[in-house]
Amino acid sequence: MKMDGILNIDKPAGMTSHDVVARLRWILGQKKIGHTGTLDPDATGVLVLCLGKATKIIQFLQEDEKEYEGTITFGIATDTLDASGEVLEISETVHIEPDDVKNALKSFTGDIDQIPPMVSAVRIQGKRLYEIARKGETIERQPRRVHIYKIEMLKFYREAAEGNFRSSGDADLSQLFTKMDFRVLCSKGTYVRALARDIGGALGCGAHISRLVRTKSGICYLRDSVSLDEIAADPQIASRSIRSMGDMLSFMPGVIVTDSARKRFLNGIPPTVAEVVSYENEFESSDLIRIRDRAGTLLGIGEATESHKPSVALKPQTLICKLVKVLS
């Protein structure tokens, strides 16, 4: 069963994103599959997979904003920043109150700088950080800027720690720890584990992610996702659930071009203003735009060379864009 399009998979806990890709390749008998953004093994939720020709648009879908829900446990710091790591520090959290957390969260909205976790997939000097971490090594990482659109506390409570902690030694995990259920809407590249670490730091204690679910990636929502087990039981579910490239890129403005421009574009020649049949929304110079033919087929993606607004008149021979990707 060979397919071209995008699947919204509900990733189970205990699998890496690569594991999910490998299993779907086996289920569908299709090699060309890739994902648009890694989820930690312990995390669950939306994992967007591109199949066949749709692997060509992975780079554009990686730009999408993400939404997560989860739980931060304060008072326990681990080397992996989650509940499967080695306990590094235990601290008291009985003094932390809901207002303390709410006030701390105010400094974690807008543009913030994050130091990537050592267990992340970031490449430094040609090696992924998690490969270095597996050797027991730690190296210096430069902060990366991300954007937090919104973060909110859903629930504040205290209970015993839960997790598969390693080498905790004499650490007392029997006490009650302060916890917060939260929801965050953030830009690509945000490390939610690092966010938990830094919020804990702002409160004067260690912290880790004890539960994490990605509820949204771009226009893909958890409520619309399908599981690997469902597809394994009935592979036709995949074909019924797959979304087109045009649908997934509908957030981009675009143009519809003439039949002659269609042929030229597929041969690597961008359309001129005179070859545009109609415009889909306004766009600015350097914006990415979709190029479609009269039948609605997505031909590819271009980078606008001029702004398109009702008040702007362009000469007919002006190229509307530079070619970025041919998809058909």
Foldseek 3Di string as FASTA:
>chain_A
DADFFKAWAWAAAQDWLVRVLVLVCVLVVADAKDWLATDDNRATATIMMGGDLRVQCSVVLLFWKWKKKFKKWWQWAFLQQEQQGATDGGDDDPPDDPVLLVVLCVVVAFKDWFFDRLCAQDDDPRHGSNVCVVVVDDDDGDIDIWHWHDKDWDDKDWDFDDHNHPPHDPDDRHDITIMTIMMTIITRPDDVSRVSQVSSVSVPTGMGTHYMYTQDRHPDGRVLHYYPVVCSVPVVVCVVSGDHPCVSPVVFKAFEFEPVQLVVVLVQHAAFQLGTPDTGDWDAQQGKYWYHYPVGDTQAIWGAHHTDDPVDDDDRRHGGGHGDTGRD
